């Protein structure tokens, strides 16, 4: 991500960035995440949206218990696990979130006609562009800021992620409320707050994506080792 342009850098943003650099204790990180979400809701209002894959349940819980009626969009690629769709439905009922489902321009069947079946196996980058990146860009049209569940601990490609940063590709503010949390801190928060987790977690899925491209991970494996296994692909393109 790029540095926030001068005209978009406010005193509040500067203070949050400084605070994030000093927050080392778990309790400080939780408080910071809630404060950032509350600030974002007040500052951007209807111009703010949250992207959720239903594999970032902590983000949904933080948002729904910090301020009511956050706009949340879920990208339905047509390849999701039934458990992921069920998680979306559960959060619509459990928390005061306005969840909307965003779809690609073409169904999987139409895509198969154009490109052949199992495009995800032959050209996963193109499949992700068609079923994730393009719908994401469309979903973000008209918004000034978006919130994600990105964490530095997720992958080597995300180590430079910031609490609040500039999404240069889309010319908007990007907010990552728990960017500095460790895997253990995420687990602790989930346990302490009784967060409803995608049932795939119990089956060994540490990072959850589309069903054809995701497998459980073994003991000691990197949490994202189950994404696009046996290939050199590590990102779908939403955050890079």
C-alpha atoms as a PDB file:
ATOM      1  CA  UNK A   1       0.000   0.000   0.000  1.00  0.00           C
ATOM      2  CA  UNK A   2       1.038   3.600  -0.569  1.00  0.00           C
ATOM      3  CA  UNK A   3       1.542   6.353   1.969  1.00  0.00           C
ATOM      4  CA  UNK A   4      -1.635   8.259   2.744  1.00  0.00           C
ATOM      5  CA  UNK A   5      -1.738  11.477   0.653  1.00  0.00           C
ATOM      6  CA  UNK A   6      -1.289  14.673   2.611  1.00  0.00           C
ATOM      7  CA  UNK A   7      -4.854  15.807   1.982  1.00  0.00           C
ATOM      8  CA  UNK A   8      -6.169  12.568   3.510  1.00  0.00           C
ATOM      9  CA  UNK A   9      -3.892  12.478   6.549  1.00  0.00           C
ATOM     10  CA  UNK A  10      -5.724  13.822   9.572  1.00  0.00           C
ATOM     11  CA  UNK A  11      -4.642  14.336  13.157  1.00  0.00           C
ATOM     12  CA  UNK A  12      -6.773  11.340  14.138  1.00  0.00           C
ATOM     13  CA  UNK A  13      -5.053   9.094  11.599  1.00  0.00           C
ATOM     14  CA  UNK A  14      -1.612  10.243  12.740  1.00  0.00           C
ATOM     15  CA  UNK A  15      -2.558   9.547  16.358  1.00  0.00           C
ATOM     16  CA  UNK A  16      -3.849   6.057  15.553  1.00  0.00           C
ATOM     17  CA  UNK A  17      -0.720   5.174  13.590  1.00  0.00           C
ATOM     18  CA  UNK A  18       1.474   6.322  16.461  1.00  0.00           C
ATOM     19  CA  UNK A  19      -0.641   4.435  18.954  1.00  0.00           C
ATOM     20  CA  UNK A  20      -0.437   1.234  16.905  1.00  0.00           C
ATOM     21  CA  UNK A  21       3.330   1.423  17.005  1.00  0.00           C
ATOM     22  CA  UNK A  22       3.233   1.547  20.792  1.00  0.00           C
ATOM     23  CA  UNK A  23       0.513  -1.068  21.404  1.00  0.00           C
ATOM     24  CA  UNK A  24       2.228  -4.246  22.519  1.00  0.00           C
ATOM     25  CA  UNK A  25      -0.156  -5.686  25.112  1.00  0.00           C
ATOM     26  CA  UNK A  26      -3.151  -7.694  23.939  1.00  0.00           C
ATOM     27  CA  UNK A  27      -5.594  -5.447  25.806  1.00  0.00           C
ATOM     28  CA  UNK A  28      -4.128  -2.373  24.123  1.00  0.00           C
ATOM     29  CA  UNK A  29      -4.542  -3.942  20.691  1.00  0.00           C
ATOM     30  CA  UNK A  30      -8.188  -4.820  21.327  1.00  0.00           C
ATOM     31  CA  UNK A  31      -8.948  -1.310  22.557  1.00  0.00           C
ATOM     32  CA  UNK A  32      -7.181   0.189  19.550  1.00  0.00           C
ATOM     33  CA  UNK A  33      -9.146  -1.971  17.102  1.00  0.00           C
ATOM     34  CA  UNK A  34     -12.429  -0.898  18.658  1.00  0.00           C
ATOM     35  CA  UNK A  35     -11.427   2.764  18.727  1.00  0.00           C
ATOM     36  CA  UNK A  36     -10.402   2.673  15.074  1.00  0.00           C
ATOM     37  CA  UNK A  37     -13.672   1.051  14.060  1.00  0.00           C
ATOM     38  CA  UNK A  38     -15.713   3.559  16.062  1.00  0.00           C
ATOM     39  CA  UNK A  39     -13.736   6.438  14.542  1.00  0.00           C
ATOM     40  CA  UNK A  40     -14.181   5.039  11.030  1.00  0.00           C
ATOM     41  CA  UNK A  41     -17.936   4.659  11.490  1.00  0.00           C
ATOM     42  CA  UNK A  42     -18.240   8.250  12.710  1.00  0.00           C
ATOM     43  CA  UNK A  43     -15.845   9.740  10.169  1.00  0.00           C
ATOM     44  CA  UNK A  44     -16.974   7.995   6.994  1.00  0.00           C
ATOM     45  CA  UNK A  45     -20.553   6.986   7.779  1.00  0.00           C
ATOM     46  CA  UNK A  46     -22.294   5.670   4.666  1.00  0.00           C
ATOM     47  CA  UNK A  47     -19.027   6.041   2.740  1.00  0.00           C
ATOM     48  CA  UNK A  48     -17.476   3.181   4.733  1.00  0.00           C
ATOM     49  CA  UNK A  49     -17.787  -0.523   4.006  1.00  0.00           C
ATOM     50  CA  UNK A  50     -16.275  -3.732   5.381  1.00  0.00           C
ATOM     51  CA  UNK A  51     -15.054  -6.610   3.227  1.00  0.00           C
ATOM     52  CA  UNK A  52     -15.473 -10.038   4.806  1.00  0.00           C
ATOM     53  CA  UNK A  53     -14.689 -13.500   3.489  1.00  0.00           C
ATOM     54  CA  UNK A  54     -16.426 -15.141   6.472  1.00  0.00           C
ATOM     55  CA  UNK A  55     -12.995 -16.438   7.371  1.00  0.00           C
ATOM     56  CA  UNK A  56     -12.250 -13.249   9.321  1.00  0.00           C
ATOM     57  CA  UNK A  57     -14.840 -13.765  12.012  1.00  0.00           C
ATOM     58  CA  UNK A  58     -12.962 -11.602  14.535  1.00  0.00           C
ATOM     59  CA  UNK A  59     -13.474  -8.596  12.267  1.00  0.00           C
ATOM     60  CA  UNK A  60     -17.221  -9.195  12.109  1.00  0.00           C
ATOM     61  CA  UNK A  61     -17.463  -9.592  15.879  1.00  0.00           C
ATOM     62  CA  UNK A  62     -15.402  -6.463  16.545  1.00  0.00           C
ATOM     63  CA  UNK A  63     -17.477  -4.425  14.100  1.00  0.00           C
ATOM     64  CA  UNK A  64     -20.847  -5.705  15.224  1.00  0.00           C
ATOM     65  CA  UNK A  65     -20.096  -5.177  18.911  1.00  0.00           C
ATOM     66  CA  UNK A  66     -18.483  -1.762  18.464  1.00  0.00           C
ATOM     67  CA  UNK A  67     -21.037   0.134  16.390  1.00  0.00           C
ATOM     68  CA  UNK A  68     -24.390  -0.939  14.896  1.00  0.00           C
ATOM     69  CA  UNK A  69     -25.281  -1.227  11.214  1.00  0.00           C
ATOM     70  CA  UNK A  70     -21.852  -1.458   9.630  1.00  0.00           C
ATOM     71  CA  UNK A  71     -22.160  -2.082   5.892  1.00  0.00           C
ATOM     72  CA  UNK A  72     -20.487  -5.432   5.174  1.00  0.00           C
ATOM     73  CA  UNK A  73     -20.075  -7.051   1.785  1.00  0.00           C
ATOM     74  CA  UNK A  74     -19.294 -10.691   1.101  1.00  0.00           C
ATOM     75  CA  UNK A  75     -17.884 -11.823  -2.235  1.00  0.00           C
ATOM     76  CA  UNK A  76     -19.723 -14.966  -3.308  1.00  0.00           C
ATOM     77  CA  UNK A  77     -17.368 -16.470  -5.865  1.00  0.00           C
ATOM     78  CA  UNK A  78     -19.662 -19.382  -6.632  1.00  0.00           C
ATOM     79  CA  UNK A  79     -17.023 -21.724  -5.233  1.00  0.00           C
ATOM     80  CA  UNK A  80     -17.484 -21.220  -1.488  1.00  0.00           C
ATOM     81  CA  UNK A  81     -17.839 -24.018   1.033  1.00  0.00           C
ATOM     82  CA  UNK A  82     -21.367 -24.495   2.350  1.00  0.00           C
ATOM     83  CA  UNK A  83     -19.948 -23.743   5.819  1.00  0.00           C
ATOM     84  CA  UNK A  84     -18.771 -20.323   4.647  1.00  0.00           C
ATOM     85  CA  UNK A  85     -22.197 -19.422   3.280  1.00  0.00           C
ATOM     86  CA  UNK A  86     -23.697 -20.640   6.533  1.00  0.00           C
ATOM     87  CA  UNK A  87     -21.337 -18.410   8.490  1.00  0.00           C
ATOM     88  CA  UNK A  88     -22.541 -15.412   6.481  1.00  0.00           C
ATOM     89  CA  UNK A  89     -26.153 -16.298   7.237  1.00  0.00           C
ATOM     90  CA  UNK A  90     -25.384 -16.734  10.932  1.00  0.00           C
ATOM     91  CA  UNK A  91     -23.768 -13.323  11.277  1.00  0.00           C
ATOM     92  CA  UNK A  92     -26.714 -11.657   9.569  1.00  0.00           C
ATOM     93  CA  UNK A  93     -28.842 -12.918  12.446  1.00  0.00           C
ATOM     94  CA  UNK A  94     -26.422 -12.649  15.369  1.00  0.00           C
ATOM     95  CA  UNK A  95     -25.079  -9.104  15.034  1.00  0.00           C
ATOM     96  CA  UNK A  96     -26.418  -5.717  13.863  1.00  0.00           C
ATOM     97  CA  UNK A  97     -24.549  -5.822  10.553  1.00  0.00           C
ATOM     98  CA  UNK A  98     -25.936  -4.997   7.103  1.00  0.00           C
ATOM     99  CA  UNK A  99     -24.447  -7.846   5.077  1.00  0.00           C
ATOM    100  CA  UNK A 100     -24.829  -7.727   1.297  1.00  0.00           C
ATOM    101  CA  UNK A 101     -23.624 -10.422  -1.046  1.00  0.00           C
ATOM    102  CA  UNK A 102     -21.668  -9.404  -4.144  1.00  0.00           C
ATOM    103  CA  UNK A 103     -21.447 -11.694  -7.152  1.00  0.00           C
ATOM    104  CA  UNK A 104     -19.136 -11.864 -10.183  1.00  0.00           C
ATOM    105  CA  UNK A 105     -20.558 -10.697 -13.513  1.00  0.00           C
ATOM    106  CA  UNK A 106     -20.770 -14.281 -14.727  1.00  0.00           C
ATOM    107  CA  UNK A 107     -21.878 -17.481 -13.042  1.00  0.00           C
ATOM    108  CA  UNK A 108     -19.460 -20.388 -12.802  1.00  0.00           C
ATOM    109  CA  UNK A 109     -21.379 -22.087 -15.617  1.00  0.00           C
ATOM    110  CA  UNK A 110     -20.984 -19.081 -17.930  1.00  0.00           C
ATOM    111  CA  UNK A 111     -17.306 -18.824 -17.050  1.00  0.00           C
ATOM    112  CA  UNK A 112     -16.870 -22.508 -17.905  1.00  0.00           C
ATOM    113  CA  UNK A 113     -18.359 -21.863 -21.342  1.00  0.00           C
ATOM    114  CA  UNK A 114     -15.954 -18.995 -22.008  1.00  0.00           C
ATOM    115  CA  UNK A 115     -12.766 -20.435 -20.548  1.00  0.00           C
ATOM    116  CA  UNK A 116     -13.393 -24.137 -20.070  1.00  0.00           C
ATOM    117  CA  UNK A 117     -14.044 -25.993 -16.834  1.00  0.00           C
ATOM    118  CA  UNK A 118     -11.730 -25.812 -13.820  1.00  0.00           C
ATOM    119  CA  UNK A 119     -10.187 -22.482 -14.744  1.00  0.00           C
ATOM    120  CA  UNK A 120      -9.119 -22.270 -11.092  1.00  0.00           C
ATOM    121  CA  UNK A 121      -6.811 -25.252 -11.665  1.00  0.00           C
ATOM    122  CA  UNK A 122      -5.405 -24.129 -15.024  1.00  0.00           C
ATOM    123  CA  UNK A 123      -5.143 -20.371 -14.477  1.00  0.00           C
ATOM    124  CA  UNK A 124      -5.903 -19.486 -10.845  1.00  0.00           C
ATOM    125  CA  UNK A 125      -4.772 -15.880 -11.277  1.00  0.00           C
ATOM    126  CA  UNK A 126      -7.357 -15.270 -13.989  1.00  0.00           C
ATOM    127  CA  UNK A 127     -10.019 -17.073 -11.998  1.00  0.00           C
ATOM    128  CA  UNK A 128      -9.322 -14.872  -8.972  1.00  0.00           C
ATOM    129  CA  UNK A 129      -9.410 -11.740 -11.118  1.00  0.00           C
ATOM    130  CA  UNK A 130     -12.798 -12.678 -12.532  1.00  0.00           C
ATOM    131  CA  UNK A 131     -14.425 -13.996  -9.375  1.00  0.00           C
ATOM    132  CA  UNK A 132     -12.798 -11.875  -6.666  1.00  0.00           C
ATOM    133  CA  UNK A 133     -10.874  -8.810  -7.791  1.00  0.00           C
ATOM    134  CA  UNK A 134     -13.329  -7.465 -10.372  1.00  0.00           C
ATOM    135  CA  UNK A 135     -16.357  -7.910  -8.051  1.00  0.00           C
ATOM    136  CA  UNK A 136     -14.407  -6.299  -5.198  1.00  0.00           C
ATOM    137  CA  UNK A 137     -13.605  -3.253  -7.304  1.00  0.00           C
ATOM    138  CA  UNK A 138     -17.251  -2.950  -8.289  1.00  0.00           C
ATOM    139  CA  UNK A 139     -18.393  -3.323  -4.667  1.00  0.00           C
ATOM    140  CA  UNK A 140     -16.082  -0.512  -3.536  1.00  0.00           C
ATOM    141  CA  UNK A 141     -17.330   2.002  -6.073  1.00  0.00           C
ATOM    142  CA  UNK A 142     -18.714   5.092  -4.362  1.00  0.00           C
ATOM    143  CA  UNK A 143     -17.051   4.431  -0.994  1.00  0.00           C
ATOM    144  CA  UNK A 144     -14.304   6.546   0.570  1.00  0.00           C
ATOM    145  CA  UNK A 145     -12.877   3.871   2.886  1.00  0.00           C
ATOM    146  CA  UNK A 146     -12.965   0.126   3.417  1.00  0.00           C
ATOM    147  CA  UNK A 147     -12.153  -2.155   6.328  1.00  0.00           C
ATOM    148  CA  UNK A 148     -10.440  -5.533   6.077  1.00  0.00           C
ATOM    149  CA  UNK A 149      -9.217  -8.348   8.304  1.00  0.00           C
ATOM    150  CA  UNK A 150      -5.650  -8.208   6.938  1.00  0.00           C
ATOM    151  CA  UNK A 151      -2.922  -8.999   9.466  1.00  0.00           C
ATOM    152  CA  UNK A 152       0.847  -8.846   9.078  1.00  0.00           C
ATOM    153  CA  UNK A 153       1.100 -12.366  10.470  1.00  0.00           C
ATOM    154  CA  UNK A 154      -1.040 -13.719   7.610  1.00  0.00           C
ATOM    155  CA  UNK A 155       1.703 -13.926   5.006  1.00  0.00           C
ATOM    156  CA  UNK A 156       5.078 -12.529   3.963  1.00  0.00           C
ATOM    157  CA  UNK A 157       3.284 -10.449   1.336  1.00  0.00           C
ATOM    158  CA  UNK A 158       1.451  -8.545   4.079  1.00  0.00           C
ATOM    159  CA  UNK A 159       4.250  -7.645   6.468  1.00  0.00           C
ATOM    160  CA  UNK A 160       4.157  -3.983   5.430  1.00  0.00           C
ATOM    161  CA  UNK A 161       0.403  -3.601   6.005  1.00  0.00           C
ATOM    162  CA  UNK A 162      -0.559  -0.654   8.190  1.00  0.00           C
ATOM    163  CA  UNK A 163      -3.411   0.041  10.576  1.00  0.00           C
ATOM    164  CA  UNK A 164      -4.633   2.804   8.267  1.00  0.00           C
ATOM    165  CA  UNK A 165      -3.186   3.113   4.773  1.00  0.00           C
ATOM    166  CA  UNK A 166      -3.877   4.374   1.277  1.00  0.00           C
ATOM    167  CA  UNK A 167      -5.244   1.985  -1.316  1.00  0.00           C
ATOM    168  CA  UNK A 168      -3.668   3.597  -4.365  1.00  0.00           C
ATOM    169  CA  UNK A 169      -5.313   1.199  -6.820  1.00  0.00           C
ATOM    170  CA  UNK A 170      -8.738   2.338  -5.693  1.00  0.00           C
ATOM    171  CA  UNK A 171      -7.903   5.848  -4.406  1.00  0.00           C
ATOM    172  CA  UNK A 172      -9.393   5.288  -0.981  1.00  0.00           C
ATOM    173  CA  UNK A 173      -8.505   4.757   2.664  1.00  0.00           C
ATOM    174  CA  UNK A 174      -7.974   1.162   3.780  1.00  0.00           C
ATOM    175  CA  UNK A 175      -8.343   0.263   7.447  1.00  0.00           C
ATOM    176  CA  UNK A 176      -6.979  -2.946   8.998  1.00  0.00           C
ATOM    177  CA  UNK A 177      -8.145  -2.817  12.646  1.00  0.00           C
ATOM    178  CA  UNK A 178      -6.160  -5.797  13.947  1.00  0.00           C
ATOM    179  CA  UNK A 179      -3.250  -5.710  11.539  1.00  0.00           C
ATOM    180  CA  UNK A 180      -0.691  -6.274  14.309  1.00  0.00           C
ATOM    181  CA  UNK A 181      -2.405  -9.179  16.065  1.00  0.00           C
ATOM    182  CA  UNK A 182      -0.689 -12.545  16.276  1.00  0.00           C
ATOM    183  CA  UNK A 183      -2.442 -15.851  15.610  1.00  0.00           C
ATOM    184  CA  UNK A 184      -2.510 -16.490  19.361  1.00  0.00           C
ATOM    185  CA  UNK A 185      -4.139 -13.111  20.017  1.00  0.00           C
ATOM    186  CA  UNK A 186      -6.836 -13.856  17.443  1.00  0.00           C
ATOM    187  CA  UNK A 187      -7.495 -17.210  19.127  1.00  0.00           C
ATOM    188  CA  UNK A 188      -7.570 -15.563  22.548  1.00  0.00           C
ATOM    189  CA  UNK A 189     -10.105 -12.963  21.443  1.00  0.00           C
ATOM    190  CA  UNK A 190     -12.318 -15.633  19.895  1.00  0.00           C
ATOM    191  CA  UNK A 191     -12.234 -17.712  23.080  1.00  0.00           C
ATOM    192  CA  UNK A 192     -12.799 -14.804  25.464  1.00  0.00           C
ATOM    193  CA  UNK A 193     -15.746 -13.409  23.509  1.00  0.00           C
ATOM    194  CA  UNK A 194     -17.343 -16.632  22.348  1.00  0.00           C
ATOM    195  CA  UNK A 195     -16.938 -15.640  18.716  1.00  0.00           C
ATOM    196  CA  UNK A 196     -18.872 -17.818  16.292  1.00  0.00           C
ATOM    197  CA  UNK A 197     -16.283 -19.381  13.994  1.00  0.00           C
ATOM    198  CA  UNK A 198     -16.643 -20.830  10.542  1.00  0.00           C
ATOM    199  CA  UNK A 199     -17.180 -24.587  11.219  1.00  0.00           C
ATOM    200  CA  UNK A 200     -14.312 -25.344   8.830  1.00  0.00           C
ATOM    201  CA  UNK A 201     -11.954 -24.250  11.604  1.00  0.00           C
ATOM    202  CA  UNK A 202     -12.709 -27.480  13.451  1.00  0.00           C
ATOM    203  CA  UNK A 203     -11.687 -29.438  10.355  1.00  0.00           C
ATOM    204  CA  UNK A 204      -8.216 -27.908  10.191  1.00  0.00           C
ATOM    205  CA  UNK A 205      -8.830 -25.024   7.803  1.00  0.00           C
ATOM    206  CA  UNK A 206      -6.680 -22.195   9.149  1.00  0.00           C
ATOM    207  CA  UNK A 207      -7.186 -19.911   6.137  1.00  0.00           C
ATOM    208  CA  UNK A 208     -10.451 -20.231   4.252  1.00  0.00           C
ATOM    209  CA  UNK A 209     -10.945 -19.509   0.571  1.00  0.00           C
ATOM    210  CA  UNK A 210     -12.758 -21.167  -2.314  1.00  0.00           C
ATOM    211  CA  UNK A 211     -13.474 -24.877  -1.925  1.00  0.00           C
ATOM    212  CA  UNK A 212     -11.492 -26.136  -4.969  1.00  0.00           C
ATOM    213  CA  UNK A 213      -8.387 -24.187  -3.933  1.00  0.00           C
ATOM    214  CA  UNK A 214      -8.322 -24.699  -0.169  1.00  0.00           C
ATOM    215  CA  UNK A 215      -7.328 -27.645   2.001  1.00  0.00           C
ATOM    216  CA  UNK A 216      -6.813 -28.169   5.739  1.00  0.00           C
ATOM    217  CA  UNK A 217      -3.324 -27.573   7.119  1.00  0.00           C
ATOM    218  CA  UNK A 218      -1.291 -29.995   9.150  1.00  0.00           C
ATOM    219  CA  UNK A 219       0.336 -29.480  12.527  1.00  0.00           C
ATOM    220  CA  UNK A 220       3.248 -27.075  12.180  1.00  0.00           C
ATOM    221  CA  UNK A 221       2.280 -25.918   8.699  1.00  0.00           C
ATOM    222  CA  UNK A 222       1.935 -22.245   7.849  1.00  0.00           C
ATOM    223  CA  UNK A 223      -1.731 -21.201   8.272  1.00  0.00           C
ATOM    224  CA  UNK A 224      -1.944 -20.249   4.594  1.00  0.00           C
ATOM    225  CA  UNK A 225      -0.287 -23.430   3.333  1.00  0.00           C
ATOM    226  CA  UNK A 226      -3.725 -24.754   2.480  1.00  0.00           C
ATOM    227  CA  UNK A 227      -4.413 -21.986  -0.023  1.00  0.00           C
ATOM    228  CA  UNK A 228      -3.518 -22.850  -3.636  1.00  0.00           C
ATOM    229  CA  UNK A 229      -1.475 -25.798  -2.373  1.00  0.00           C
ATOM    230  CA  UNK A 230       1.146 -27.231  -4.714  1.00  0.00           C
ATOM    231  CA  UNK A 231       1.446 -23.944  -6.603  1.00  0.00           C
ATOM    232  CA  UNK A 232       3.473 -20.758  -6.190  1.00  0.00           C
ATOM    233  CA  UNK A 233       0.341 -18.628  -5.813  1.00  0.00           C
ATOM    234  CA  UNK A 234       0.022 -16.987  -2.385  1.00  0.00           C
ATOM    235  CA  UNK A 235      -2.467 -14.127  -2.898  1.00  0.00           C
ATOM    236  CA  UNK A 236      -5.775 -13.790  -4.707  1.00  0.00           C
ATOM    237  CA  UNK A 237      -5.059 -10.174  -5.630  1.00  0.00           C
ATOM    238  CA  UNK A 238      -7.500  -8.385  -3.332  1.00  0.00           C
ATOM    239  CA  UNK A 239      -4.783  -6.917  -1.121  1.00  0.00           C
ATOM    240  CA  UNK A 240      -1.779  -6.523  -3.429  1.00  0.00           C
END
